[in-house]
Amino acid sequence: MCDANIAGIMSMTGTIMGAIGSYQQAQAQAAAYQAQIAALEQNARLIDAQRSQAQDVKADEMQRLRANASKTAATQKAAMAANGLDTGSGSNLDILNDTTYLSEIDAAMLRYKYDINDWQMRVQKTDTLNQASMARSAASNASKAGTIGAMTSLFSGVGQVAGNWYK
């Protein structure tokens, strides 16, 4: 009977250790997912900061583009006037209008470039937050699986010990 008691104790100890190991492994996996979530959420905040900075750069470049276009038009107008040409009609007016028109095309292209970049960053942020959401689910699942695994080990081990005990 003494040998049976020792065997039962050893079996139960192994069962408990297995349950603890299963639970701790799952908790470590959940903690790793939590670290991943924190990193992904930080990346999403960085994307927001990049978007804000890009909008500031866009505004600066638009202002610079329009200022240069205005200077170009003023230089053209001054050169025409210095040569005694009428800037209010004819081909001279067409030149000035073309300068304004082309600068607006440049501005539209610049806006388009930054709008595409902004869209790409929004998609990247959405993808990053989706990854964080999946990691959050995985962390929850890992934690639940650890608890279930530990309980399964305990019940299985207790059942085996009880089965051997009552033989």
Foldseek 3Di string as FASTA:
>chain_A
DVVLVVVLVVLLVVLQVQLVVLLVVLLVLLVVLVVLLVVLVVVLVVLVVVLVVLVVVLVVVLVVLVVVLVVVLVVLVVVCVVVVHDCPDDVNVVVSVVSVVVSVVVNVVSVVVSVVVSVVSVVVSVVSNVSSVVSNVSSVVSNVSSNVSSVVSNVVSVVVSVVSVVD
